[in-house]
Amino acid sequence: MKHVPKTERTPQPVGVEGANGVKMAGLIRDTDGAPTAAMRLFEIEPGGNTPWHTHDWEHVIYVVSGRGGLVTEGRETEFGPGDSLLVEPSEEHNFVNRGDEPVSFLCVVPLRGDG
């Protein structure tokens, strides 16, 4: 069993090209003893976005607060608090904040996707 107090892992700026106003905290990782999956907390400021990207693993998302959009090839799906999203493997995507307050969501990925 592992307990991580919220004050121990605070979101830090994402320094990846194409990320704008994005912070991330690694909440549970392989270093915590997780055998297969990692959980991260993302925060996106109003007007911000994650980079447009793809990878061979899924994202399982739970939206904690704020309103935004999941952009995939040819469409944008709006989301808000309490919504769940699945980004499938190899699906090009990014997350955008279209609202006036920060977007916060939990993202679960296989350990190989937690880099």
Protein backbone atom coordinates (compact mmCIF):
# COMPACT_ATOMS: atom_id res chain seq x y z
CA MET A 1 0.00 0.00 0.00
CA LYS A 2 1.17 3.50 -0.77
CA HIS A 3 -0.27 6.80 0.46
CA VAL A 4 0.84 10.03 -1.21
CA PRO A 5 -0.44 13.24 0.44
CA LYS A 6 -1.52 15.87 -2.11
CA THR A 7 1.08 18.30 -0.74
CA GLU A 8 3.88 15.85 -1.62
CA ARG A 9 3.35 15.97 -5.40
CA THR A 10 2.35 19.36 -6.75
CA PRO A 11 1.91 20.07 -10.46
CA GLN A 12 5.01 21.42 -12.21
CA PRO A 13 5.22 23.14 -15.62
CA VAL A 14 5.40 20.77 -18.58
CA GLY A 15 8.46 21.72 -20.59
CA VAL A 16 7.53 19.94 -23.82
CA GLU A 17 7.43 21.84 -27.12
CA GLY A 18 3.83 22.73 -27.95
CA ALA A 19 2.63 22.70 -24.33
CA ASN A 20 1.11 26.02 -23.33
CA GLY A 21 0.05 26.71 -19.73
CA VAL A 22 0.20 23.03 -18.73
CA LYS A 23 1.32 21.60 -15.38
CA MET A 24 1.56 17.95 -14.34
CA ALA A 25 2.08 16.01 -11.12
CA GLY A 26 3.04 12.34 -11.13
CA LEU A 27 0.75 11.04 -8.38
CA ILE A 28 1.50 7.31 -8.56
CA ARG A 29 4.44 5.92 -10.55
CA ASP A 30 6.73 2.92 -10.85
CA THR A 31 8.93 4.44 -8.13
CA ASP A 32 5.92 4.10 -5.78
CA GLY A 33 5.69 0.39 -6.56
CA ALA A 34 2.92 0.60 -9.18
CA PRO A 35 3.24 -2.61 -11.23
CA THR A 36 1.42 -1.63 -14.46
CA ALA A 37 -0.05 1.90 -14.51
CA ALA A 38 0.77 5.48 -13.57
CA MET A 39 -1.66 8.21 -12.50
CA ARG A 40 -0.93 11.84 -13.26
CA LEU A 41 -2.76 15.09 -12.49
CA PHE A 42 -2.81 17.67 -15.28
CA GLU A 43 -3.77 21.33 -14.96
CA ILE A 44 -4.29 23.52 -18.02
CA GLU A 45 -4.66 27.28 -17.65
CA PRO A 46 -7.36 29.18 -19.58
CA GLY A 47 -6.29 29.40 -23.23
CA GLY A 48 -3.68 26.66 -22.68
CA ASN A 49 -3.18 23.33 -24.40
CA THR A 50 -1.16 20.15 -24.41
CA PRO A 51 0.93 19.46 -27.51
CA TRP A 52 -0.58 17.67 -30.51
CA HIS A 53 0.82 14.14 -30.18
CA THR A 54 0.32 10.40 -30.53
CA HIS A 55 1.67 7.24 -28.87
CA ASP A 56 0.96 3.52 -28.78
CA TRP A 57 -0.83 3.46 -25.39
CA GLU A 58 -4.20 4.64 -24.18
CA HIS A 59 -5.06 7.54 -21.87
CA VAL A 60 -7.87 6.98 -19.36
CA ILE A 61 -9.06 10.40 -18.19
CA TYR A 62 -11.30 11.68 -15.39
CA VAL A 63 -12.10 15.42 -15.42
CA VAL A 64 -11.95 16.95 -11.94
CA SER A 65 -12.74 20.59 -12.75
CA GLY A 66 -13.02 23.12 -15.54
CA ARG A 67 -14.22 22.83 -19.12
CA GLY A 68 -12.18 21.97 -22.15
CA GLY A 69 -11.91 20.03 -25.34
CA LEU A 70 -10.26 16.80 -26.43
CA VAL A 71 -9.15 17.40 -30.00
CA THR A 72 -8.65 14.41 -32.28
CA GLU A 73 -8.32 14.22 -36.04
CA GLY A 74 -11.30 16.05 -37.46
CA ARG A 75 -13.25 16.67 -34.25
CA GLU A 76 -13.31 18.23 -30.81
CA THR A 77 -15.19 16.67 -27.90
CA GLU A 78 -16.14 19.08 -25.12
CA PHE A 79 -15.76 17.88 -21.54
CA GLY A 80 -16.47 19.09 -18.03
CA PRO A 81 -16.31 18.02 -14.39
CA GLY A 82 -17.19 14.37 -13.80
CA ASP A 83 -16.69 13.34 -17.44
CA SER A 84 -14.52 10.36 -18.37
CA LEU A 85 -12.57 10.10 -21.63
CA LEU A 86 -10.62 7.41 -23.44
CA VAL A 87 -7.89 8.32 -25.91
CA GLU A 88 -7.14 5.17 -27.85
CA PRO A 89 -3.63 3.99 -28.77
CA SER A 90 -2.20 5.78 -31.85
CA GLU A 91 -5.00 8.39 -31.84
CA GLU A 92 -3.52 11.85 -32.50
CA HIS A 93 -4.83 14.27 -29.90
CA ASN A 94 -4.42 17.22 -27.60
CA PHE A 95 -6.32 18.79 -24.72
CA VAL A 96 -7.35 22.46 -24.75
CA ASN A 97 -8.85 24.75 -22.15
CA ARG A 98 -11.67 26.75 -23.75
CA GLY A 99 -13.00 28.15 -20.46
CA ASP A 100 -12.21 30.96 -18.03
CA GLU A 101 -10.91 28.75 -15.20
CA PRO A 102 -8.22 26.06 -15.05
CA VAL A 103 -8.97 22.54 -16.28
CA SER A 104 -7.86 19.74 -14.00
CA PHE A 105 -7.94 16.04 -14.92
CA LEU A 106 -6.52 12.72 -13.81
CA CYS A 107 -4.79 10.66 -16.49
CA VAL A 108 -3.96 6.97 -16.12
CA VAL A 109 -1.46 5.40 -18.54
CA PRO A 110 0.65 2.24 -18.66
CA LEU A 111 4.02 2.71 -16.96
CA ARG A 112 5.78 2.85 -20.33
CA GLY A 113 3.74 6.02 -21.08
CA ASP A 114 4.81 7.82 -17.92
CA GLY A 115 7.89 9.62 -19.09
